[in-house]
Amino acid sequence: MYKWVDDKGEVHYGDRIPPEYSDRERKKINERGRTLKVYEAARTPEEIAEARRLRAIKLEQEKLAAEEARKDHILMATYSSEDDMLKTRDGKLSSLEGLIQLTYRRNESMNRRIKQLTEDAADFERSGKMVPDILKRQIENIRTQTSENKTFILVKKQEQDVLNRQFQKDIARFRELKEQKEMKAQKRR
């Protein structure tokens, strides 16, 4: 038997649903009147679109939660303490700082070389001779390298900032996860 409601709000029972009510909610019931199955009403295009939108949001949230759980697992598997994290951070920062200092020294050396080459070019000009093309190219190449090195230094300093911020976030998350783990252990006792 089926149970449905008509346009006037009256409840009907029967072994068949009239075609005009087939797109509405209806219930399959047994002889005692217990609901065996509920057939939902047909949804409007707007309801279908909203359901799709909500499903997409839910899937994205589940994806983000899974990614967060994966990162948490990696974080806890990689480090056993905050000290380990700080040592790792400091090692990476030190490595970047070493590259920065090496590049500074390289630029200082190049600046001395440019100064010497520029003096050589000035000597040619004072003596009324043309500056050789090879000398001009050397000066230009060193200036280009110096400029590229300055950019490299800026990039490495930005990497240091990003690394610091990431480790701050990771350390804060590590603390949270450790606290959660300890709270679970206390509840089991």
N, C-alpha and C. Protein backbone atom coordinates (compact mmCIF):
# COMPACT_ATOMS: atom_id res chain seq x y z
N MET A 1 0.84 -1.18 0.00
CA MET A 1 0.00 0.00 0.00
C MET A 1 0.89 1.24 0.00
N TYR A 2 0.32 2.32 -0.52
CA TYR A 2 1.02 3.60 -0.56
C TYR A 2 0.19 4.65 0.15
N LYS A 3 0.89 5.64 0.64
CA LYS A 3 0.25 6.76 1.32
C LYS A 3 0.78 8.03 0.67
N TRP A 4 -0.09 8.97 0.30
CA TRP A 4 0.31 10.23 -0.29
C TRP A 4 -0.67 11.32 0.09
N VAL A 5 -0.26 12.57 -0.15
CA VAL A 5 -1.08 13.73 0.17
C VAL A 5 -1.42 14.44 -1.12
N ASP A 6 -2.72 14.82 -1.27
CA ASP A 6 -3.13 15.50 -2.51
C ASP A 6 -2.93 17.00 -2.40
N ASP A 7 -3.39 17.74 -3.44
CA ASP A 7 -3.23 19.19 -3.48
C ASP A 7 -3.93 19.90 -2.33
N LYS A 8 -4.98 19.30 -1.80
CA LYS A 8 -5.77 19.93 -0.72
C LYS A 8 -5.22 19.56 0.65
N GLY A 9 -4.17 18.73 0.67
CA GLY A 9 -3.57 18.34 1.94
C GLY A 9 -4.21 17.12 2.55
N GLU A 10 -5.10 16.45 1.81
CA GLU A 10 -5.76 15.26 2.33
C GLU A 10 -4.88 14.03 2.10
N VAL A 11 -4.85 13.15 3.09
CA VAL A 11 -4.06 11.93 3.02
C VAL A 11 -4.88 10.85 2.31
N HIS A 12 -4.21 10.12 1.40
CA HIS A 12 -4.85 9.03 0.67
C HIS A 12 -4.02 7.77 0.80
N TYR A 13 -4.71 6.64 0.66
CA TYR A 13 -4.06 5.33 0.71
C TYR A 13 -4.52 4.56 -0.52
N GLY A 14 -3.64 3.72 -1.06
CA GLY A 14 -4.04 2.89 -2.18
C GLY A 14 -2.90 2.01 -2.63
N ASP A 15 -3.23 1.06 -3.52
CA ASP A 15 -2.19 0.16 -4.01
C ASP A 15 -1.45 0.75 -5.20
N ARG A 16 -1.96 1.90 -5.73
CA ARG A 16 -1.29 2.62 -6.81
C ARG A 16 -1.37 4.11 -6.53
N ILE A 17 -0.32 4.83 -6.97
CA ILE A 17 -0.28 6.30 -6.83
C ILE A 17 -0.84 6.88 -8.13
N PRO A 18 -1.79 7.80 -8.06
CA PRO A 18 -2.26 8.44 -9.28
C PRO A 18 -1.10 9.16 -9.97
N PRO A 19 -1.05 9.15 -11.31
CA PRO A 19 0.08 9.75 -12.03
C PRO A 19 0.36 11.20 -11.65
N GLU A 20 -0.66 11.99 -11.36
CA GLU A 20 -0.44 13.40 -11.03
C GLU A 20 0.28 13.59 -9.69
N TYR A 21 0.37 12.53 -8.85
CA TYR A 21 1.05 12.63 -7.56
C TYR A 21 2.35 11.83 -7.52
N SER A 22 2.74 11.31 -8.67
CA SER A 22 3.92 10.45 -8.70
C SER A 22 5.23 11.22 -8.47
N ASP A 23 5.19 12.56 -8.63
CA ASP A 23 6.42 13.34 -8.41
C ASP A 23 6.49 13.92 -7.00
N ARG A 24 5.55 13.53 -6.13
CA ARG A 24 5.53 14.03 -4.75
C ARG A 24 6.03 12.96 -3.78
N GLU A 25 6.28 13.41 -2.58
CA GLU A 25 6.69 12.43 -1.57
C GLU A 25 5.55 11.45 -1.32
N ARG A 26 5.91 10.18 -1.21
CA ARG A 26 4.94 9.15 -0.91
C ARG A 26 5.63 8.09 -0.08
N LYS A 27 4.79 7.29 0.60
CA LYS A 27 5.35 6.26 1.48
C LYS A 27 4.74 4.91 1.15
N LYS A 28 5.60 3.90 1.17
CA LYS A 28 5.12 2.53 1.04
C LYS A 28 4.91 2.03 2.46
N ILE A 29 3.72 1.50 2.72
CA ILE A 29 3.40 1.07 4.09
C ILE A 29 2.91 -0.37 4.07
N ASN A 30 2.98 -1.02 5.22
CA ASN A 30 2.46 -2.38 5.33
C ASN A 30 1.01 -2.32 5.82
N GLU A 31 0.43 -3.49 6.03
CA GLU A 31 -0.99 -3.52 6.42
C GLU A 31 -1.26 -2.95 7.80
N ARG A 32 -0.23 -2.79 8.61
CA ARG A 32 -0.40 -2.20 9.94
C ARG A 32 -0.18 -0.69 9.92
N GLY A 33 0.19 -0.18 8.76
CA GLY A 33 0.41 1.27 8.63
C GLY A 33 1.84 1.70 8.91
N ARG A 34 2.74 0.76 9.11
CA ARG A 34 4.16 1.10 9.34
C ARG A 34 4.82 1.45 8.02
N THR A 35 5.63 2.50 8.04
CA THR A 35 6.32 2.93 6.83
C THR A 35 7.46 1.97 6.53
N LEU A 36 7.43 1.45 5.30
CA LEU A 36 8.49 0.56 4.86
C LEU A 36 9.55 1.31 4.07
N LYS A 37 9.10 2.29 3.29
CA LYS A 37 10.02 3.04 2.45
C LYS A 37 9.41 4.40 2.14
N VAL A 38 10.28 5.43 2.08
CA VAL A 38 9.82 6.78 1.74
C VAL A 38 10.43 7.14 0.39
N TYR A 39 9.55 7.55 -0.53
CA TYR A 39 9.99 8.03 -1.84
C TYR A 39 9.95 9.54 -1.80
N GLU A 40 11.09 10.16 -2.00
CA GLU A 40 11.15 11.62 -1.94
C GLU A 40 10.45 12.25 -3.13
N ALA A 41 10.01 13.48 -2.92
CA ALA A 41 9.39 14.24 -4.00
C ALA A 41 10.46 14.61 -5.02
N ALA A 42 10.05 14.75 -6.27
CA ALA A 42 10.99 15.18 -7.31
C ALA A 42 11.51 16.56 -6.96
N ARG A 43 12.79 16.77 -7.18
CA ARG A 43 13.39 18.05 -6.84
C ARG A 43 13.36 19.00 -8.03
N THR A 44 13.30 20.29 -7.69
CA THR A 44 13.32 21.32 -8.73
C THR A 44 14.75 21.48 -9.23
N PRO A 45 14.93 22.10 -10.40
CA PRO A 45 16.31 22.34 -10.88
C PRO A 45 17.13 23.14 -9.89
N GLU A 46 16.50 24.08 -9.18
CA GLU A 46 17.23 24.87 -8.18
C GLU A 46 17.68 23.99 -7.02
N GLU A 47 16.79 23.08 -6.58
CA GLU A 47 17.15 22.17 -5.49
C GLU A 47 18.27 21.23 -5.91
N ILE A 48 18.21 20.77 -7.14
CA ILE A 48 19.27 19.90 -7.66
C ILE A 48 20.60 20.65 -7.71
N ALA A 49 20.56 21.89 -8.21
CA ALA A 49 21.79 22.70 -8.27
C ALA A 49 22.34 22.96 -6.88
N GLU A 50 21.47 23.25 -5.92
CA GLU A 50 21.91 23.51 -4.55
C GLU A 50 22.52 22.24 -3.93
N ALA A 51 21.90 21.09 -4.20
CA ALA A 51 22.44 19.83 -3.69
C ALA A 51 23.82 19.56 -4.27
N ARG A 52 24.00 19.85 -5.54
CA ARG A 52 25.32 19.67 -6.18
C ARG A 52 26.35 20.61 -5.54
N ARG A 53 25.94 21.86 -5.33
CA ARG A 53 26.84 22.84 -4.73
C ARG A 53 27.26 22.38 -3.33
N LEU A 54 26.29 21.93 -2.53
CA LEU A 54 26.58 21.48 -1.17
C LEU A 54 27.46 20.23 -1.19
N ARG A 55 27.22 19.33 -2.15
CA ARG A 55 28.03 18.13 -2.27
C ARG A 55 29.47 18.50 -2.64
N ALA A 56 29.63 19.48 -3.54
CA ALA A 56 30.98 19.93 -3.92
C ALA A 56 31.71 20.54 -2.73
N ILE A 57 30.99 21.32 -1.94
CA ILE A 57 31.59 21.92 -0.74
C ILE A 57 32.02 20.83 0.24
N LYS A 58 31.14 19.85 0.43
CA LYS A 58 31.45 18.76 1.36
C LYS A 58 32.67 17.97 0.88
N LEU A 59 32.73 17.69 -0.42
CA LEU A 59 33.88 16.96 -0.96
C LEU A 59 35.17 17.75 -0.78
N GLU A 60 35.11 19.05 -1.00
CA GLU A 60 36.30 19.90 -0.82
C GLU A 60 36.73 19.90 0.64
N GLN A 61 35.76 19.98 1.56
CA GLN A 61 36.09 19.96 2.99
C GLN A 61 36.72 18.62 3.38
N GLU A 62 36.18 17.53 2.84
CA GLU A 62 36.74 16.22 3.13
C GLU A 62 38.15 16.10 2.58
N LYS A 63 38.36 16.66 1.38
CA LYS A 63 39.69 16.63 0.77
C LYS A 63 40.68 17.43 1.62
N LEU A 64 40.27 18.61 2.08
CA LEU A 64 41.14 19.42 2.93
C LEU A 64 41.43 18.73 4.25
N ALA A 65 40.42 18.10 4.83
CA ALA A 65 40.61 17.39 6.10
C ALA A 65 41.57 16.22 5.92
N ALA A 66 41.44 15.50 4.81
CA ALA A 66 42.35 14.38 4.55
C ALA A 66 43.77 14.88 4.36
N GLU A 67 43.94 15.99 3.66
CA GLU A 67 45.26 16.57 3.45
C GLU A 67 45.87 17.02 4.78
N GLU A 68 45.04 17.63 5.62
CA GLU A 68 45.49 18.07 6.95
C GLU A 68 45.92 16.87 7.78
N ALA A 69 45.14 15.81 7.73
CA ALA A 69 45.48 14.59 8.48
C ALA A 69 46.79 13.99 7.97
N ARG A 70 46.98 14.01 6.66
CA ARG A 70 48.22 13.50 6.07
C ARG A 70 49.42 14.32 6.55
N LYS A 71 49.27 15.65 6.54
CA LYS A 71 50.35 16.52 7.01
C LYS A 71 50.63 16.30 8.49
N ASP A 72 49.56 16.14 9.28
CA ASP A 72 49.74 15.87 10.71
C ASP A 72 50.51 14.58 10.93
N HIS A 73 50.15 13.56 10.17
CA HIS A 73 50.84 12.27 10.29
C HIS A 73 52.33 12.41 9.96
N ILE A 74 52.62 13.11 8.88
CA ILE A 74 54.02 13.32 8.48
C ILE A 74 54.77 14.10 9.56
N LEU A 75 54.12 15.14 10.08
CA LEU A 75 54.75 15.96 11.12
C LEU A 75 55.10 15.13 12.34
N MET A 76 54.16 14.31 12.79
CA MET A 76 54.40 13.50 13.99
C MET A 76 55.40 12.37 13.72
N ALA A 77 55.42 11.87 12.50
CA ALA A 77 56.36 10.79 12.17
C ALA A 77 57.77 11.32 11.96
N THR A 78 57.89 12.59 11.57
CA THR A 78 59.20 13.17 11.27
C THR A 78 59.93 13.64 12.51
N TYR A 79 59.19 14.23 13.44
CA TYR A 79 59.82 14.84 14.62
C TYR A 79 59.34 14.16 15.89
N SER A 80 60.29 14.00 16.82
CA SER A 80 59.91 13.41 18.11
C SER A 80 59.77 14.47 19.19
N SER A 81 60.30 15.69 18.91
CA SER A 81 60.20 16.76 19.91
C SER A 81 60.32 18.12 19.22
N GLU A 82 59.99 19.14 19.98
CA GLU A 82 60.16 20.51 19.46
C GLU A 82 61.63 20.81 19.22
N ASP A 83 62.50 20.26 20.07
CA ASP A 83 63.94 20.47 19.89
C ASP A 83 64.40 19.95 18.53
N ASP A 84 63.88 18.78 18.14
CA ASP A 84 64.22 18.25 16.81
C ASP A 84 63.80 19.24 15.72
N MET A 85 62.63 19.81 15.89
CA MET A 85 62.12 20.76 14.89
C MET A 85 63.00 22.00 14.84
N LEU A 86 63.37 22.50 16.01
CA LEU A 86 64.20 23.71 16.07
C LEU A 86 65.58 23.45 15.46
N LYS A 87 66.13 22.28 15.73
CA LYS A 87 67.44 21.94 15.15
C LYS A 87 67.35 21.84 13.63
N THR A 88 66.29 21.24 13.15
CA THR A 88 66.10 21.13 11.70
C THR A 88 65.95 22.51 11.07
N ARG A 89 65.10 23.33 11.70
CA ARG A 89 64.90 24.70 11.20
C ARG A 89 66.21 25.46 11.17
N ASP A 90 66.93 25.40 12.29
CA ASP A 90 68.20 26.13 12.37
C ASP A 90 69.20 25.65 11.34
N GLY A 91 69.22 24.34 11.09
CA GLY A 91 70.13 23.80 10.07
C GLY A 91 69.79 24.32 8.68
N LYS A 92 68.50 24.34 8.37
CA LYS A 92 68.08 24.84 7.05
C LYS A 92 68.35 26.34 6.93
N LEU A 93 68.07 27.09 7.99
CA LEU A 93 68.35 28.53 7.97
C LEU A 93 69.85 28.79 7.82
N SER A 94 70.64 27.99 8.50
CA SER A 94 72.09 28.14 8.43
C SER A 94 72.59 27.86 7.01
N SER A 95 72.02 26.85 6.40
CA SER A 95 72.40 26.52 5.02
C SER A 95 72.07 27.68 4.08
N LEU A 96 70.89 28.24 4.23
CA LEU A 96 70.51 29.39 3.40
C LEU A 96 71.42 30.59 3.68
N GLU A 97 71.71 30.80 4.95
CA GLU A 97 72.59 31.92 5.33
C GLU A 97 73.97 31.74 4.73
N GLY A 98 74.46 30.50 4.69
CA GLY A 98 75.75 30.22 4.07
C GLY A 98 75.75 30.59 2.59
N LEU A 99 74.67 30.24 1.89
CA LEU A 99 74.57 30.62 0.47
C LEU A 99 74.54 32.13 0.30
N ILE A 100 73.82 32.80 1.19
CA ILE A 100 73.73 34.27 1.12
C ILE A 100 75.11 34.88 1.32
N GLN A 101 75.83 34.43 2.35
CA GLN A 101 77.15 35.00 2.65
C GLN A 101 78.13 34.71 1.52
N LEU A 102 78.08 33.51 0.98
CA LEU A 102 78.94 33.15 -0.14
C LEU A 102 78.68 34.07 -1.34
N THR A 103 77.41 34.35 -1.60
CA THR A 103 77.04 35.22 -2.72
C THR A 103 77.48 36.66 -2.45
N TYR A 104 77.36 37.12 -1.20
CA TYR A 104 77.87 38.46 -0.85
C TYR A 104 79.36 38.56 -1.17
N ARG A 105 80.11 37.55 -0.73
CA ARG A 105 81.56 37.56 -0.96
C ARG A 105 81.87 37.53 -2.46
N ARG A 106 81.10 36.73 -3.19
CA ARG A 106 81.29 36.67 -4.64
C ARG A 106 81.04 38.04 -5.26
N ASN A 107 80.00 38.73 -4.80
CA ASN A 107 79.70 40.06 -5.34
C ASN A 107 80.80 41.06 -4.98
N GLU A 108 81.33 40.96 -3.77
CA GLU A 108 82.42 41.86 -3.39
C GLU A 108 83.61 41.66 -4.31
N SER A 109 83.91 40.41 -4.59
CA SER A 109 85.02 40.09 -5.50
C SER A 109 84.72 40.63 -6.90
N MET A 110 83.50 40.46 -7.35
CA MET A 110 83.12 40.95 -8.68
C MET A 110 83.17 42.48 -8.74
N ASN A 111 82.77 43.12 -7.65
CA ASN A 111 82.82 44.59 -7.62
C ASN A 111 84.27 45.09 -7.72
N ARG A 112 85.18 44.37 -7.06
CA ARG A 112 86.61 44.74 -7.19
C ARG A 112 87.06 44.54 -8.63
N ARG A 113 86.62 43.45 -9.24
CA ARG A 113 86.99 43.17 -10.64
C ARG A 113 86.41 44.23 -11.58
N ILE A 114 85.15 44.64 -11.35
CA ILE A 114 84.54 45.69 -12.18
C ILE A 114 85.32 47.00 -12.04
N LYS A 115 85.72 47.29 -10.80
CA LYS A 115 86.48 48.52 -10.57
C LYS A 115 87.78 48.49 -11.38
N GLN A 116 88.48 47.35 -11.35
CA GLN A 116 89.73 47.22 -12.10
C GLN A 116 89.48 47.33 -13.61
N LEU A 117 88.44 46.64 -14.10
CA LEU A 117 88.14 46.67 -15.54
C LEU A 117 87.70 48.06 -15.99
N THR A 118 86.96 48.74 -15.12
CA THR A 118 86.52 50.11 -15.44
C THR A 118 87.72 51.05 -15.51
N GLU A 119 88.68 50.89 -14.61
CA GLU A 119 89.92 51.70 -14.65
C GLU A 119 90.70 51.40 -15.94
N ASP A 120 90.74 50.12 -16.33
CA ASP A 120 91.42 49.75 -17.58
C ASP A 120 90.73 50.43 -18.77
N ALA A 121 89.40 50.41 -18.79
CA ALA A 121 88.64 51.05 -19.88
C ALA A 121 88.91 52.55 -19.89
N ALA A 122 88.98 53.17 -18.69
CA ALA A 122 89.25 54.61 -18.61
C ALA A 122 90.65 54.92 -19.14
N ASP A 123 91.61 54.04 -18.84
CA ASP A 123 92.98 54.23 -19.36
C ASP A 123 92.97 54.23 -20.90
N PHE A 124 92.21 53.32 -21.49
CA PHE A 124 92.10 53.29 -22.96
C PHE A 124 91.53 54.61 -23.47
N GLU A 125 90.47 55.09 -22.83
CA GLU A 125 89.81 56.32 -23.29
C GLU A 125 90.73 57.53 -23.12
N ARG A 126 91.47 57.59 -22.00
CA ARG A 126 92.38 58.72 -21.78
C ARG A 126 93.51 58.75 -22.80
N SER A 127 93.90 57.57 -23.24
CA SER A 127 94.99 57.53 -24.22
C SER A 127 94.46 57.69 -25.65
N GLY A 128 93.15 57.92 -25.77
CA GLY A 128 92.55 58.16 -27.08
C GLY A 128 92.29 56.89 -27.87
N LYS A 129 92.37 55.76 -27.22
CA LYS A 129 92.12 54.50 -27.91
C LYS A 129 90.69 54.03 -27.62
N MET A 130 90.18 53.21 -28.52
CA MET A 130 88.86 52.61 -28.33
C MET A 130 88.96 51.51 -27.25
N VAL A 131 87.93 51.45 -26.44
CA VAL A 131 87.88 50.38 -25.43
C VAL A 131 87.58 49.07 -26.17
N PRO A 132 88.43 48.05 -25.99
CA PRO A 132 88.20 46.78 -26.70
C PRO A 132 86.83 46.18 -26.35
N ASP A 133 86.20 45.58 -27.34
CA ASP A 133 84.88 44.97 -27.15
C ASP A 133 84.90 43.90 -26.07
N ILE A 134 85.99 43.15 -26.02
CA ILE A 134 86.09 42.09 -25.01
C ILE A 134 86.04 42.68 -23.59
N LEU A 135 86.67 43.83 -23.41
CA LEU A 135 86.66 44.49 -22.10
C LEU A 135 85.25 44.97 -21.77
N LYS A 136 84.57 45.54 -22.76
CA LYS A 136 83.18 45.99 -22.56
C LYS A 136 82.28 44.81 -22.18
N ARG A 137 82.46 43.68 -22.88
CA ARG A 137 81.64 42.50 -22.58
C ARG A 137 81.93 41.96 -21.18
N GLN A 138 83.21 41.99 -20.80
CA GLN A 138 83.56 41.51 -19.45
C GLN A 138 82.87 42.37 -18.39
N ILE A 139 82.95 43.68 -18.56
CA ILE A 139 82.31 44.60 -17.60
C ILE A 139 80.80 44.33 -17.55
N GLU A 140 80.18 44.22 -18.71
CA GLU A 140 78.73 43.98 -18.78
C GLU A 140 78.35 42.63 -18.17
N ASN A 141 79.15 41.61 -18.47
CA ASN A 141 78.87 40.27 -17.90
C ASN A 141 78.95 40.27 -16.38
N ILE A 142 79.97 40.93 -15.86
CA ILE A 142 80.12 40.97 -14.40
C ILE A 142 78.99 41.78 -13.77
N ARG A 143 78.59 42.87 -14.40
CA ARG A 143 77.45 43.65 -13.87
C ARG A 143 76.17 42.80 -13.87
N THR A 144 75.97 42.04 -14.94
CA THR A 144 74.79 41.17 -15.03
C THR A 144 74.84 40.11 -13.93
N GLN A 145 76.01 39.50 -13.75
CA GLN A 145 76.15 38.49 -12.69
C GLN A 145 75.91 39.10 -11.31
N THR A 146 76.43 40.30 -11.09
CA THR A 146 76.24 40.98 -9.81
C THR A 146 74.76 41.23 -9.57
N SER A 147 74.05 41.68 -10.59
CA SER A 147 72.62 41.91 -10.46
C SER A 147 71.87 40.61 -10.18
N GLU A 148 72.23 39.55 -10.89
CA GLU A 148 71.60 38.25 -10.66
C GLU A 148 71.88 37.75 -9.24
N ASN A 149 73.09 38.00 -8.76
CA ASN A 149 73.44 37.60 -7.40
C ASN A 149 72.62 38.36 -6.36
N LYS A 150 72.37 39.64 -6.61
CA LYS A 150 71.54 40.42 -5.68
C LYS A 150 70.12 39.84 -5.64
N THR A 151 69.62 39.46 -6.81
CA THR A 151 68.29 38.85 -6.86
C THR A 151 68.30 37.51 -6.12
N PHE A 152 69.34 36.73 -6.32
CA PHE A 152 69.49 35.45 -5.65
C PHE A 152 69.47 35.64 -4.13
N ILE A 153 70.19 36.65 -3.65
CA ILE A 153 70.23 36.94 -2.21
C ILE A 153 68.83 37.28 -1.70
N LEU A 154 68.11 38.11 -2.43
CA LEU A 154 66.74 38.46 -2.02
C LEU A 154 65.84 37.22 -1.96
N VAL A 155 65.97 36.35 -2.95
CA VAL A 155 65.16 35.13 -2.99
C VAL A 155 65.49 34.25 -1.78
N LYS A 156 66.75 34.11 -1.48
CA LYS A 156 67.16 33.27 -0.35
C LYS A 156 66.70 33.86 0.98
N LYS A 157 66.71 35.18 1.10
CA LYS A 157 66.19 35.81 2.33
C LYS A 157 64.69 35.58 2.45
N GLN A 158 63.99 35.65 1.32
CA GLN A 158 62.55 35.34 1.35
C GLN A 158 62.32 33.89 1.74
N GLU A 159 63.16 33.00 1.24
CA GLU A 159 63.05 31.58 1.62
C GLU A 159 63.25 31.41 3.12
N GLN A 160 64.17 32.18 3.69
CA GLN A 160 64.39 32.12 5.14
C GLN A 160 63.12 32.56 5.88
N ASP A 161 62.51 33.64 5.42
CA ASP A 161 61.28 34.13 6.05
C ASP A 161 60.16 33.09 5.96
N VAL A 162 60.00 32.52 4.77
CA VAL A 162 58.96 31.50 4.58
C VAL A 162 59.24 30.29 5.46
N LEU A 163 60.49 29.87 5.51
CA LEU A 163 60.89 28.73 6.33
C LEU A 163 60.59 29.00 7.81
N ASN A 164 60.93 30.19 8.28
CA ASN A 164 60.65 30.55 9.67
C ASN A 164 59.16 30.50 9.96
N ARG A 165 58.35 31.10 9.08
CA ARG A 165 56.90 31.11 9.28
C ARG A 165 56.33 29.69 9.26
N GLN A 166 56.81 28.88 8.32
CA GLN A 166 56.31 27.50 8.22
C GLN A 166 56.66 26.71 9.48
N PHE A 167 57.87 26.87 9.96
CA PHE A 167 58.25 26.14 11.17
C PHE A 167 57.48 26.64 12.39
N GLN A 168 57.18 27.94 12.44
CA GLN A 168 56.36 28.44 13.55
C GLN A 168 54.99 27.76 13.53
N LYS A 169 54.39 27.67 12.35
CA LYS A 169 53.09 27.00 12.22
C LYS A 169 53.21 25.52 12.58
N ASP A 170 54.26 24.88 12.07
CA ASP A 170 54.45 23.45 12.32
C ASP A 170 54.68 23.17 13.81
N ILE A 171 55.44 24.03 14.45
CA ILE A 171 55.70 23.84 15.89
C ILE A 171 54.40 24.02 16.68
N ALA A 172 53.62 25.02 16.32
CA ALA A 172 52.33 25.23 17.00
C ALA A 172 51.42 24.02 16.80
N ARG A 173 51.38 23.50 15.57
CA ARG A 173 50.54 22.32 15.29
C ARG A 173 51.09 21.10 16.01
N PHE A 174 52.40 20.96 16.07
CA PHE A 174 53.02 19.84 16.78
C PHE A 174 52.60 19.85 18.25
N ARG A 175 52.60 21.04 18.84
CA ARG A 175 52.18 21.17 20.25
C ARG A 175 50.73 20.72 20.41
N GLU A 176 49.86 21.19 19.50
CA GLU A 176 48.44 20.80 19.56
C GLU A 176 48.28 19.29 19.48
N LEU A 177 48.97 18.69 18.53
CA LEU A 177 48.84 17.24 18.35
C LEU A 177 49.38 16.47 19.55
N LYS A 178 50.47 16.95 20.13
CA LYS A 178 51.02 16.31 21.33
C LYS A 178 50.02 16.40 22.49
N GLU A 179 49.40 17.59 22.65
CA GLU A 179 48.41 17.77 23.71
C GLU A 179 47.22 16.84 23.49
N GLN A 180 46.75 16.75 22.25
CA GLN A 180 45.63 15.86 21.95
C GLN A 180 45.99 14.42 22.28
N LYS A 181 47.20 14.02 21.93
CA LYS A 181 47.66 12.66 22.19
C LYS A 181 47.71 12.39 23.69
N GLU A 182 48.22 13.37 24.45
CA GLU A 182 48.30 13.22 25.90
C GLU A 182 46.91 13.15 26.53
N MET A 183 45.98 13.97 26.02
CA MET A 183 44.62 13.97 26.56
C MET A 183 43.94 12.62 26.29
N LYS A 184 44.16 12.06 25.12
CA LYS A 184 43.59 10.74 24.80
C LYS A 184 44.17 9.68 25.72
N ALA A 185 45.48 9.77 25.98
CA ALA A 185 46.13 8.80 26.86
C ALA A 185 45.60 8.90 28.27
N GLN A 186 45.33 10.13 28.75
CA GLN A 186 44.78 10.31 30.09
C GLN A 186 43.35 9.78 30.19
N LYS A 187 42.58 9.92 29.15
CA LYS A 187 41.20 9.43 29.16
C LYS A 187 41.16 7.90 29.22
N ARG A 188 42.15 7.25 28.62
CA ARG A 188 42.19 5.80 28.61
C ARG A 188 42.56 5.23 29.99
N ARG A 189 43.21 6.04 30.80
CA ARG A 189 43.68 5.56 32.12
C ARG A 189 42.55 5.45 33.06
